[in-house]
Amino acid sequence: MAEKIKKCPICKKETMQEFRPFCSRQCKNIDLNRWLSGTYVVPGDELVNDQYSQQIDTESEET
């Protein structure tokens, strides 16, 4: 059975082992930037102000 050629999710070129699942460092960085900028999100429940968040808020007000 022939191995299916995997494609880069950013530019659709053939992937390179070093950067899998991407084809290059550039595409890898594009993907990272999309996660960090909020372009990609994982759906879930809206966060509520829990005890940990309240503790952080209190500490920041004290300084």
Protein backbone atom coordinates (compact mmCIF):
# COMPACT_ATOMS: atom_id res chain seq x y z
CA MET A 1 0.00 0.00 0.00
CA ALA A 2 1.42 3.40 -0.96
CA GLU A 3 2.09 5.92 1.79
CA LYS A 4 -0.18 8.96 1.58
CA ILE A 5 1.78 12.20 1.13
CA LYS A 6 1.04 14.53 4.00
CA LYS A 7 0.38 18.18 3.20
CA CYS A 8 1.25 21.27 5.24
CA PRO A 9 -1.97 22.69 6.79
CA ILE A 10 -0.82 26.25 6.01
CA CYS A 11 0.43 26.18 2.39
CA LYS A 12 -0.47 22.60 1.28
CA LYS A 13 3.12 21.73 0.24
CA GLU A 14 4.61 18.36 1.15
CA THR A 15 5.70 18.25 4.80
CA MET A 16 9.27 17.91 5.99
CA GLN A 17 10.14 15.56 8.85
CA GLU A 18 11.96 18.33 10.74
CA PHE A 19 8.89 20.60 10.85
CA ARG A 20 5.99 18.11 10.86
CA PRO A 21 3.15 18.66 10.34
CA PHE A 22 4.41 21.73 8.49
CA CYS A 23 6.71 22.11 5.49
CA SER A 24 8.99 24.82 6.87
CA ARG A 25 9.83 26.94 9.89
CA GLN A 26 7.88 29.80 8.29
CA CYS A 27 4.63 27.81 8.16
CA LYS A 28 5.26 26.56 11.69
CA ASN A 29 5.63 30.17 12.88
CA ILE A 30 2.52 31.28 10.98
CA ASP A 31 0.53 28.62 12.81
CA LEU A 32 2.00 29.62 16.18
CA ASN A 33 1.16 33.27 15.53
CA ARG A 34 -2.44 32.34 14.71
CA TRP A 35 -2.77 30.57 18.07
CA LEU A 36 -1.13 33.40 20.00
CA SER A 37 -3.16 36.15 18.31
CA GLY A 38 -6.48 34.39 18.96
CA THR A 39 -7.21 33.54 15.32
CA TYR A 40 -7.51 29.89 16.39
CA VAL A 41 -9.56 29.11 19.47
CA VAL A 42 -10.73 25.95 21.17
CA PRO A 43 -14.46 26.19 21.89
CA GLY A 44 -15.55 25.87 25.47
CA ASP A 45 -17.52 27.43 28.25
CA GLU A 46 -16.92 31.06 29.06
CA LEU A 47 -14.52 31.44 31.95
CA VAL A 48 -15.97 32.66 35.20
CA ASN A 49 -14.11 34.62 37.82
CA ASP A 50 -12.97 31.71 39.97
CA GLN A 51 -11.07 31.75 43.27
CA TYR A 52 -7.66 31.71 41.56
CA SER A 53 -8.53 34.69 39.36
CA GLN A 54 -9.83 36.59 42.38
CA GLN A 55 -6.56 35.92 44.20
CA ILE A 56 -4.55 37.31 41.28
CA ASP A 57 -6.80 40.38 41.10
CA THR A 58 -6.37 40.99 44.86
CA GLU A 59 -2.58 40.65 44.68
CA SER A 60 -2.32 43.06 41.74
CA GLU A 61 -4.41 45.67 43.57
CA GLU A 62 -2.13 45.47 46.63
CA THR A 63 1.01 46.33 44.66
